[in-house]
Amino acid sequence: MQKKIKNFERPNYIIYLESSRLLLRNILPEDKDFIINLWTNSDITKYMGGSRDRNKMTLAVEENINDPFQDEYDLWILVDKSNRSPIGHCGLLKKDVEGIEEIEVIYVINKKFWGNGYATEIANMLINYAFEEKKINSIIALIKPQNKASEKVAINIGMKLEKEVIRQENIKMLLYRKENDTK
């Protein structure tokens, strides 16, 4: 059932991206505990603002499950196709960077799956989706300077370091960008 907003049909933002190893799809009720555990793990979120409050995460995940089509850009569940197990929470998010609206590629992978190339693979899939399907001009990644693994992923997917930016709470971040050269 689609919700109506001001006499217009609300679009259904369905994501389904697939590679030989990975599947990215909308969140389902059975993903709730995985997402909460992922975002409340301080090792995984070390460079992403730290561990989230479990109660706030529970509410946010339940809201997303109840209305998975509310946002055009969102984080979705990354699944290992070989066993259908969730391994990450990845996607595209709108970000205000120095007064300019940008689209950022986000990849949060469960620690036990680090080092398998999943972040690079999903980031490439998301960027291709952004450029080919959404017709976005460029994609960014905001990376803390200490996060060498994410910097390596950004470089591997063809992103270039553009500049250093200061985010909320005076946190220094590196802004990597990839331009859509298919236009």
Foldseek 3Di string as FASTA:
>chain_A
DFDDDPNDTQDAQWDWFDDPFKTWTADAPVCLVVQLVLQQDQVQCVFPPGHDDSVVSNVVVVVCNVPVRPDNWAWTFMAGVVVRHTFWTWTWDWDQFPNDTAIETDIGGHPVCPPVCPLLVVSLRRVCCCCPVVVDFKYKHWTQPVPVVVVVSLVVSPWDFDAWGQDPPRGITTITMDGNPPD
